[in-house]
C-alpha atoms as a PDB file:
ATOM      1  CA  ASP A   1     -14.127   6.003  37.903  1.00  0.00           C
ATOM      2  CA  THR A   2     -14.294   4.797  34.295  1.00  0.00           C
ATOM      3  CA  SER A   3     -17.426   2.674  34.666  1.00  0.00           C
ATOM      4  CA  SER A   4     -19.604   5.452  33.227  1.00  0.00           C
ATOM      5  CA  VAL A   5     -17.271   6.267  30.315  1.00  0.00           C
ATOM      6  CA  ARG A   6     -18.523   5.169  26.909  1.00  0.00           C
ATOM      7  CA  ILE A   7     -15.956   3.690  24.554  1.00  0.00           C
ATOM      8  CA  HIS A   8     -18.300   2.535  21.799  1.00  0.00           C
ATOM      9  CA  TYR A   9     -17.575   2.119  18.111  1.00  0.00           C
ATOM     10  CA  GLU A  10     -19.633   1.077  15.135  1.00  0.00           C
ATOM     11  CA  VAL A  11     -17.818  -1.415  12.949  1.00  0.00           C
ATOM     12  CA  ILE A  12     -18.367  -0.596   9.296  1.00  0.00           C
ATOM     13  CA  ARG A  13     -18.098  -4.118   7.955  1.00  0.00           C
ATOM     14  CA  GLU A  14     -16.431  -5.049   4.717  1.00  0.00           C
ATOM     15  CA  GLY A  15     -18.952  -5.836   1.987  1.00  0.00           C
ATOM     16  CA  ARG A  16     -21.922  -4.379   3.896  1.00  0.00           C
ATOM     17  CA  PRO A  17     -23.995  -1.286   3.015  1.00  0.00           C
ATOM     18  CA  CYS A  18     -22.990   1.906   4.801  1.00  0.00           C
ATOM     19  CA  ARG A  19     -23.840   5.579   5.076  1.00  0.00           C
ATOM     20  CA  LEU A  20     -21.579   8.270   3.703  1.00  0.00           C
ATOM     21  CA  TYR A  21     -19.343   9.607   6.473  1.00  0.00           C
ATOM     22  CA  PHE A  22     -16.419  11.965   6.907  1.00  0.00           C
ATOM     23  CA  ASP A  23     -13.719  12.331   9.544  1.00  0.00           C
ATOM     24  CA  LEU A  24     -12.515  15.949   9.501  1.00  0.00           C
ATOM     25  CA  GLU A  25      -9.524  17.274  11.398  1.00  0.00           C
ATOM     26  CA  PHE A  26      -6.730  19.794  11.599  1.00  0.00           C
ATOM     27  CA  ASP A  27      -4.180  21.070  14.093  1.00  0.00           C
ATOM     28  CA  LYS A  28      -5.409  24.425  15.397  1.00  0.00           C
ATOM     29  CA  SER A  29      -1.898  25.636  16.272  1.00  0.00           C
ATOM     30  CA  LEU A  30      -0.921  25.363  12.594  1.00  0.00           C
ATOM     31  CA  ASN A  31      -4.167  26.929  11.335  1.00  0.00           C
ATOM     32  CA  ARG A  32      -4.908  29.742  13.785  1.00  0.00           C
ATOM     33  CA  ASP A  33      -6.977  31.826  11.365  1.00  0.00           C
ATOM     34  CA  LEU A  34      -9.229  29.022  10.128  1.00  0.00           C
ATOM     35  CA  ASP A  35     -12.913  28.875  10.991  1.00  0.00           C
ATOM     36  CA  GLY A  36     -13.658  25.156  11.233  1.00  0.00           C
ATOM     37  CA  ASN A  37     -17.418  25.717  11.010  1.00  0.00           C
ATOM     38  CA  ARG A  38     -16.962  27.540   7.717  1.00  0.00           C
ATOM     39  CA  LEU A  39     -14.852  24.684   6.351  1.00  0.00           C
ATOM     40  CA  VAL A  40     -17.551  22.184   7.329  1.00  0.00           C
ATOM     41  CA  GLU A  41     -20.244  24.294   5.655  1.00  0.00           C
ATOM     42  CA  THR A  42     -18.170  24.512   2.458  1.00  0.00           C
ATOM     43  CA  LEU A  43     -17.623  20.754   2.484  1.00  0.00           C
ATOM     44  CA  LYS A  44     -21.335  20.075   3.051  1.00  0.00           C
ATOM     45  CA  ARG A  45     -22.161  22.239   0.022  1.00  0.00           C
ATOM     46  CA  LEU A  46     -19.647  20.383  -2.153  1.00  0.00           C
ATOM     47  CA  VAL A  47     -20.850  16.959  -0.978  1.00  0.00           C
ATOM     48  CA  LYS A  48     -24.469  17.880  -1.750  1.00  0.00           C
ATOM     49  CA  GLU A  49     -23.476  19.094  -5.223  1.00  0.00           C
ATOM     50  CA  GLU A  50     -21.455  15.937  -5.921  1.00  0.00           C
ATOM     51  CA  LEU A  51     -24.230  13.605  -4.720  1.00  0.00           C
ATOM     52  CA  MET A  52     -26.714  15.357  -6.985  1.00  0.00           C
ATOM     53  CA  ARG A  53     -24.346  15.416  -9.971  1.00  0.00           C
ATOM     54  CA  GLU A  54     -23.155  11.829  -9.643  1.00  0.00           C
ATOM     55  CA  HIS A  55     -26.163  10.011  -8.161  1.00  0.00           C
ATOM     56  CA  GLN A  56     -29.141  12.409  -8.447  1.00  0.00           C
ATOM     57  CA  ILE A  57     -29.478  12.246  -4.637  1.00  0.00           C
ATOM     58  CA  THR A  58     -30.664  15.234  -2.635  1.00  0.00           C
ATOM     59  CA  LEU A  59     -29.005  15.673   0.743  1.00  0.00           C
ATOM     60  CA  ASN A  60     -30.343  18.342   3.090  1.00  0.00           C
ATOM     61  CA  ASP A  61     -28.529  19.829   6.081  1.00  0.00           C
ATOM     62  CA  ASP A  62     -31.008  18.166   8.427  1.00  0.00           C
ATOM     63  CA  GLY A  63     -29.871  14.831   6.951  1.00  0.00           C
ATOM     64  CA  ILE A  64     -26.284  15.312   8.140  1.00  0.00           C
ATOM     65  CA  LEU A  65     -25.416  14.224  11.668  1.00  0.00           C
ATOM     66  CA  ASP A  66     -22.622  16.607  12.680  1.00  0.00           C
ATOM     67  CA  LEU A  67     -20.525  15.408  15.636  1.00  0.00           C
ATOM     68  CA  ASP A  68     -17.702  17.252  17.372  1.00  0.00           C
ATOM     69  CA  SER A  69     -14.798  16.184  19.575  1.00  0.00           C
ATOM     70  CA  SER A  70     -12.610  19.254  19.095  1.00  0.00           C
ATOM     71  CA  THR A  71     -10.242  20.493  21.770  1.00  0.00           C
ATOM     72  CA  GLU A  72      -8.217  23.687  22.151  1.00  0.00           C
ATOM     73  CA  ASP A  73      -5.456  22.045  20.100  1.00  0.00           C
ATOM     74  CA  LYS A  74      -7.324  19.972  17.535  1.00  0.00           C
ATOM     75  CA  PHE A  75     -10.363  20.520  15.330  1.00  0.00           C
ATOM     76  CA  SER A  76     -12.193  17.191  15.008  1.00  0.00           C
ATOM     77  CA  ARG A  77     -15.619  16.562  13.484  1.00  0.00           C
ATOM     78  CA  HIS A  78     -17.504  13.562  12.094  1.00  0.00           C
ATOM     79  CA  LEU A  79     -20.273  13.925   9.518  1.00  0.00           C
ATOM     80  CA  ILE A  80     -22.679  11.054   8.883  1.00  0.00           C
ATOM     81  CA  CYS A  81     -25.087  11.503   5.973  1.00  0.00           C
ATOM     82  CA  HIS A  82     -28.657  10.190   6.182  1.00  0.00           C
ATOM     83  CA  MET A  83     -29.972  10.591   2.645  1.00  0.00           C
ATOM     84  CA  GLY A  84     -32.427   7.790   1.981  1.00  0.00           C
ATOM     85  CA  ALA A  85     -29.709   5.778   0.247  1.00  0.00           C
ATOM     86  CA  VAL A  86     -26.559   3.987   1.314  1.00  0.00           C
ATOM     87  CA  PHE A  87     -23.425   2.932  -0.487  1.00  0.00           C
ATOM     88  CA  LEU A  88     -22.993  -0.689  -1.480  1.00  0.00           C
ATOM     89  CA  ASP A  89     -20.056  -0.905   0.918  1.00  0.00           C
ATOM     90  CA  ASN A  90     -17.170   1.063   2.379  1.00  0.00           C
ATOM     91  CA  ARG A  91     -15.048   0.499  -0.732  1.00  0.00           C
ATOM     92  CA  HIS A  92     -17.672   2.098  -2.996  1.00  0.00           C
ATOM     93  CA  MET A  93     -18.093   4.965  -0.577  1.00  0.00           C
ATOM     94  CA  GLY A  94     -14.319   5.457  -0.444  1.00  0.00           C
ATOM     95  CA  ALA A  95     -14.250   5.638  -4.250  1.00  0.00           C
ATOM     96  CA  PHE A  96     -16.945   8.343  -4.137  1.00  0.00           C
ATOM     97  CA  VAL A  97     -14.937  10.307  -1.550  1.00  0.00           C
ATOM     98  CA  LYS A  98     -11.780   9.930  -3.656  1.00  0.00           C
ATOM     99  CA  ARG A  99     -13.603  11.404  -6.686  1.00  0.00           C
ATOM    100  CA  LEU A 100     -15.027  14.177  -4.500  1.00  0.00           C
ATOM    101  CA  VAL A 101     -11.567  15.054  -3.165  1.00  0.00           C
ATOM    102  CA  GLY A 102     -10.170  15.013  -6.718  1.00  0.00           C
ATOM    103  CA  ASN A 103     -12.870  17.464  -7.820  1.00  0.00           C
ATOM    104  CA  ILE A 104     -12.147  19.648  -4.785  1.00  0.00           C
ATOM    105  CA  ARG A 105      -8.431  19.649  -5.671  1.00  0.00           C
ATOM    106  CA  ASP A 106      -9.341  20.743  -9.212  1.00  0.00           C
ATOM    107  CA  LYS A 107     -11.429  23.648  -7.857  1.00  0.00           C
ATOM    108  CA  LYS A 108      -8.955  24.923  -5.261  1.00  0.00           C
ATOM    109  CA  GLN A 109      -7.039  27.064  -7.775  1.00  0.00           C
ATOM    110  CA  THR A 110     -10.131  28.996  -8.820  1.00  0.00           C
ATOM    111  CA  ASP A 111     -12.314  29.030  -5.682  1.00  0.00           C
ATOM    112  CA  GLU A 112     -10.934  30.646  -2.534  1.00  0.00           C
ATOM    113  CA  THR A 113     -13.484  29.002  -0.222  1.00  0.00           C
ATOM    114  CA  VAL A 114     -12.557  25.568  -1.613  1.00  0.00           C
ATOM    115  CA  ALA A 115      -8.845  26.348  -1.209  1.00  0.00           C
ATOM    116  CA  GLU A 116      -9.460  26.859   2.539  1.00  0.00           C
ATOM    117  CA  LEU A 117     -10.264  23.132   2.850  1.00  0.00           C
ATOM    118  CA  PHE A 118      -6.524  22.519   2.491  1.00  0.00           C
ATOM    119  CA  VAL A 119      -4.935  23.054   5.899  1.00  0.00           C
ATOM    120  CA  ASN A 120      -1.383  23.322   7.173  1.00  0.00           C
ATOM    121  CA  THR A 121      -0.189  19.937   8.379  1.00  0.00           C
ATOM    122  CA  SER A 122       3.330  20.811   9.540  1.00  0.00           C
ATOM    123  CA  HIS A 123       5.261  23.818  10.729  1.00  0.00           C
ATOM    124  CA  LYS A 124       6.973  25.892   8.074  1.00  0.00           C
ATOM    125  CA  SER A 125      10.566  25.033   7.441  1.00  0.00           C
ATOM    126  CA  LYS A 126      13.017  27.053   5.421  1.00  0.00           C
ATOM    127  CA  ASP A 127      13.576  24.052   3.138  1.00  0.00           C
ATOM    128  CA  ASP A 128      10.102  23.002   2.047  1.00  0.00           C
ATOM    129  CA  GLY A 129       7.628  25.678   3.135  1.00  0.00           C
ATOM    130  CA  GLU A 130       4.127  24.814   4.333  1.00  0.00           C
ATOM    131  CA  ARG A 131       2.603  21.390   3.835  1.00  0.00           C
ATOM    132  CA  ARG A 132      -1.102  21.650   3.010  1.00  0.00           C
ATOM    133  CA  GLU A 133      -3.556  18.768   2.796  1.00  0.00           C
ATOM    134  CA  ILE A 134      -7.316  18.506   2.690  1.00  0.00           C
ATOM    135  CA  PHE A 135      -8.886  18.370   6.139  1.00  0.00           C
ATOM    136  CA  ILE A 136     -10.797  15.181   5.228  1.00  0.00           C
ATOM    137  CA  ASP A 137      -9.062  12.139   6.705  1.00  0.00           C
ATOM    138  CA  GLU A 138      -8.926   9.920   3.622  1.00  0.00           C
ATOM    139  CA  GLY A 139      -7.522   6.996   5.609  1.00  0.00           C
ATOM    140  CA  VAL A 140     -10.862   6.005   7.186  1.00  0.00           C
ATOM    141  CA  TYR A 141     -12.335   4.217   4.167  1.00  0.00           C
ATOM    142  CA  THR A 142     -10.833   0.818   4.870  1.00  0.00           C
ATOM    143  CA  ARG A 143     -12.457  -2.535   5.524  1.00  0.00           C
ATOM    144  CA  ASN A 144     -13.934  -3.245   8.931  1.00  0.00           C
ATOM    145  CA  ARG A 145     -13.396   0.344  10.022  1.00  0.00           C
ATOM    146  CA  CYS A 146     -14.272   1.284  13.612  1.00  0.00           C
ATOM    147  CA  PHE A 147     -16.068   4.631  13.780  1.00  0.00           C
ATOM    148  CA  ARG A 148     -16.609   6.207  17.199  1.00  0.00           C
ATOM    149  CA  MET A 149     -20.218   6.653  18.270  1.00  0.00           C
ATOM    150  CA  LEU A 150     -22.037   9.644  19.752  1.00  0.00           C
ATOM    151  CA  PHE A 151     -21.133  10.390  23.412  1.00  0.00           C
ATOM    152  CA  SER A 152     -18.152   8.012  23.247  1.00  0.00           C
ATOM    153  CA  THR A 153     -14.475   8.714  23.765  1.00  0.00           C
ATOM    154  CA  LYS A 154     -11.317   6.924  22.739  1.00  0.00           C
ATOM    155  CA  LEU A 155      -9.713   4.636  25.316  1.00  0.00           C
ATOM    156  CA  MET A 156      -7.757   6.647  27.910  1.00  0.00           C
ATOM    157  CA  LYS A 157      -8.969   9.961  26.416  1.00  0.00           C
ATOM    158  CA  LYS A 158     -11.492  12.543  27.578  1.00  0.00           C
ATOM    159  CA  ARG A 159     -12.578  13.836  24.141  1.00  0.00           C
ATOM    160  CA  PHE A 160     -16.215  12.817  23.915  1.00  0.00           C
ATOM    161  CA  LEU A 161     -17.967  12.854  20.551  1.00  0.00           C
ATOM    162  CA  ARG A 162     -20.990  15.137  20.963  1.00  0.00           C
ATOM    163  CA  LEU A 163     -23.459  16.977  18.757  1.00  0.00           C
ATOM    164  CA  SER A 164     -21.787  19.994  17.181  1.00  0.00           C
ATOM    165  CA  GLU A 165     -23.263  23.440  17.607  1.00  0.00           C
ATOM    166  CA  MET A 166     -23.911  23.395  13.841  1.00  0.00           C
ATOM    167  CA  ASN A 167     -25.853  20.113  13.892  1.00  0.00           C
ATOM    168  CA  SER A 168     -29.398  20.288  12.512  1.00  0.00           C
ATOM    169  CA  PHE A 169     -29.986  16.520  12.332  1.00  0.00           C
ATOM    170  CA  ARG A 170     -32.806  15.478  14.654  1.00  0.00           C
ATOM    171  CA  ILE A 171     -32.023  12.471  16.825  1.00  0.00           C
ATOM    172  CA  ARG A 172     -35.147  10.415  17.414  1.00  0.00           C
END
């Protein structure tokens, strides 16, 4: 019976204000030694630093809604930042995330915890070695983006988005 299954999305409309959000993911079979919670904590720290540096905005952990739909095979988290301010629109937010990712790339050579944010994305081959990319899905900052809502699943899937064990955001 699918009548009780939630398949709800928020549409982040083009040209409309929006909260800062992140879609985080990696294949667990390619990254067996990674602690996803530690990666999320490192990213939260970097986001807070960047918001303060660039916009003089303080973001606390209890202002970050941390949602999880991970499975045995895939690490999958969504972070939604409630910080008393919103971005002008998704395009402006995407530009902020692009600068953030650029700064993270610059730091990965000198900071081991930052380097961990770059995960294996394909199996090793003898020709090209490992392929490593940041675990932030940078493809979600497009116009009229659908972002899955709490307690919802994708159509024909059973991976419900729920509060992560690390979440400290209070739902009212």
